[in-house]
Amino acid sequence: MYVIVTNKPGKFTTQIGEGLRPVKAFDYLFCGKKTASFLIAELVDDTARIRIVEEGGTSVNTVPVKFLPRFQTVERAIEELETLTAFSTLDTVLQPAAWA
């Protein structure tokens, strides 16, 4: 099983913990500006958690992955990202990247 986690520059970062293995990362560009990063991670342990850290560290939330949508394959997770990031004729790009 695979999950998708997100970073939004200037808003929050997501940190994966034990029980998740990074597989593929993508940057999302909207009209040429990077507005998000996505990570597809393999779920190795159903009790895994992610940390969402607000910019500036003012707020930290720990969320169990059981609340995240799950995908059977990496390809299905990529299809979902492509669906979520395409907007008619607007200039949107989902490009491979390194997870920061």
Protein backbone atom coordinates (compact mmCIF):
# COMPACT_ATOMS: atom_id res chain seq x y z
CA MET A 1 0.00 0.00 0.00
CA TYR A 2 1.07 3.55 -0.71
CA VAL A 3 0.12 6.99 0.62
CA ILE A 4 0.69 10.53 -0.64
CA VAL A 5 2.00 13.27 1.65
CA THR A 6 2.42 16.96 0.86
CA ASN A 7 4.73 19.89 1.58
CA LYS A 8 3.52 23.43 0.87
CA PRO A 9 6.36 25.97 0.82
CA GLY A 10 5.67 28.88 3.15
CA LYS A 11 2.83 27.00 4.87
CA PHE A 12 3.89 23.59 6.21
CA THR A 13 6.24 20.65 5.80
CA THR A 14 5.42 17.00 6.33
CA GLN A 15 7.92 14.66 7.94
CA ILE A 16 7.54 10.92 7.52
CA GLY A 17 8.50 8.61 10.34
CA GLU A 18 9.22 4.96 10.84
CA GLY A 19 6.86 2.71 8.98
CA LEU A 20 6.94 4.75 5.76
CA ARG A 21 9.48 4.33 2.97
CA PRO A 22 9.86 7.16 0.41
CA VAL A 23 9.35 5.93 -3.16
CA LYS A 24 8.80 8.89 -5.53
CA ALA A 25 8.64 12.65 -5.12
CA PHE A 26 7.18 15.36 -7.35
CA ASP A 27 7.08 19.13 -7.42
CA TYR A 28 3.85 20.77 -8.48
CA LEU A 29 4.25 23.95 -10.53
CA PHE A 30 1.30 26.25 -11.10
CA CYS A 31 1.91 28.90 -13.76
CA GLY A 32 5.65 28.30 -13.38
CA LYS A 33 5.70 28.67 -9.57
CA LYS A 34 6.31 25.74 -7.23
CA THR A 35 3.28 25.57 -4.96
CA ALA A 36 3.63 22.07 -3.47
CA SER A 37 5.76 18.95 -3.24
CA PHE A 38 4.27 15.48 -3.07
CA LEU A 39 5.82 12.27 -1.80
CA ILE A 40 4.52 8.80 -2.52
CA ALA A 41 5.58 6.57 0.35
CA GLU A 42 5.21 2.84 0.83
CA LEU A 43 3.29 1.95 3.96
CA VAL A 44 5.47 -0.57 5.78
CA ASP A 45 3.66 -0.35 9.14
CA ASP A 46 -0.06 0.46 9.56
CA THR A 47 0.70 2.27 12.82
CA ALA A 48 3.02 4.79 11.11
CA ARG A 49 2.49 8.50 11.72
CA ILE A 50 3.43 11.68 9.90
CA ARG A 51 4.34 15.03 11.44
CA ILE A 52 2.95 18.20 9.92
CA VAL A 53 5.02 21.22 10.94
CA GLU A 54 3.61 24.67 10.31
CA GLU A 55 6.07 27.19 8.83
CA GLY A 56 8.01 28.78 11.69
CA GLY A 57 7.44 25.73 13.89
CA THR A 58 4.52 27.35 15.72
CA SER A 59 2.33 24.27 15.39
CA VAL A 60 3.16 20.57 15.07
CA ASN A 61 0.55 17.88 14.48
CA THR A 62 1.14 14.15 14.44
CA VAL A 63 -1.33 12.27 12.26
CA PRO A 64 -1.77 8.49 11.98
CA VAL A 65 -1.53 7.31 8.36
CA LYS A 66 -4.80 5.44 8.81
CA PHE A 67 -6.48 8.77 7.99
CA LEU A 68 -4.71 9.08 4.61
CA PRO A 69 -6.07 7.63 1.37
CA ARG A 70 -4.23 4.46 0.34
CA PHE A 71 -3.32 3.20 -3.10
CA GLN A 72 -2.56 -0.36 -4.17
CA THR A 73 0.32 0.63 -6.48
CA VAL A 74 2.72 3.51 -7.07
CA GLU A 75 1.19 3.92 -10.52
CA ARG A 76 -2.29 4.37 -9.03
CA ALA A 77 -0.95 7.02 -6.61
CA ILE A 78 0.68 8.86 -9.54
CA GLU A 79 -2.61 8.74 -11.47
CA GLU A 80 -4.34 10.32 -8.47
CA LEU A 81 -1.73 13.09 -8.28
CA GLU A 82 -2.13 13.78 -12.00
CA THR A 83 -5.89 14.03 -11.56
CA LEU A 84 -5.60 16.33 -8.55
CA THR A 85 -3.11 18.68 -10.18
CA ALA A 86 -4.60 19.13 -13.67
CA PHE A 87 -6.91 22.11 -14.19
CA SER A 88 -8.38 22.44 -17.68
CA THR A 89 -6.03 24.56 -19.78
CA LEU A 90 -4.16 26.19 -16.88
CA ASP A 91 -0.37 25.91 -16.83
CA THR A 92 0.24 23.06 -14.36
CA VAL A 93 3.23 20.71 -14.22
CA LEU A 94 3.94 17.70 -12.03
CA GLN A 95 7.66 16.99 -12.29
CA PRO A 96 9.91 14.42 -10.60
CA ALA A 97 11.91 15.89 -7.73
CA ALA A 98 13.83 15.13 -4.56
CA TRP A 99 11.87 15.10 -1.30
CA ALA A 100 13.12 17.84 1.00
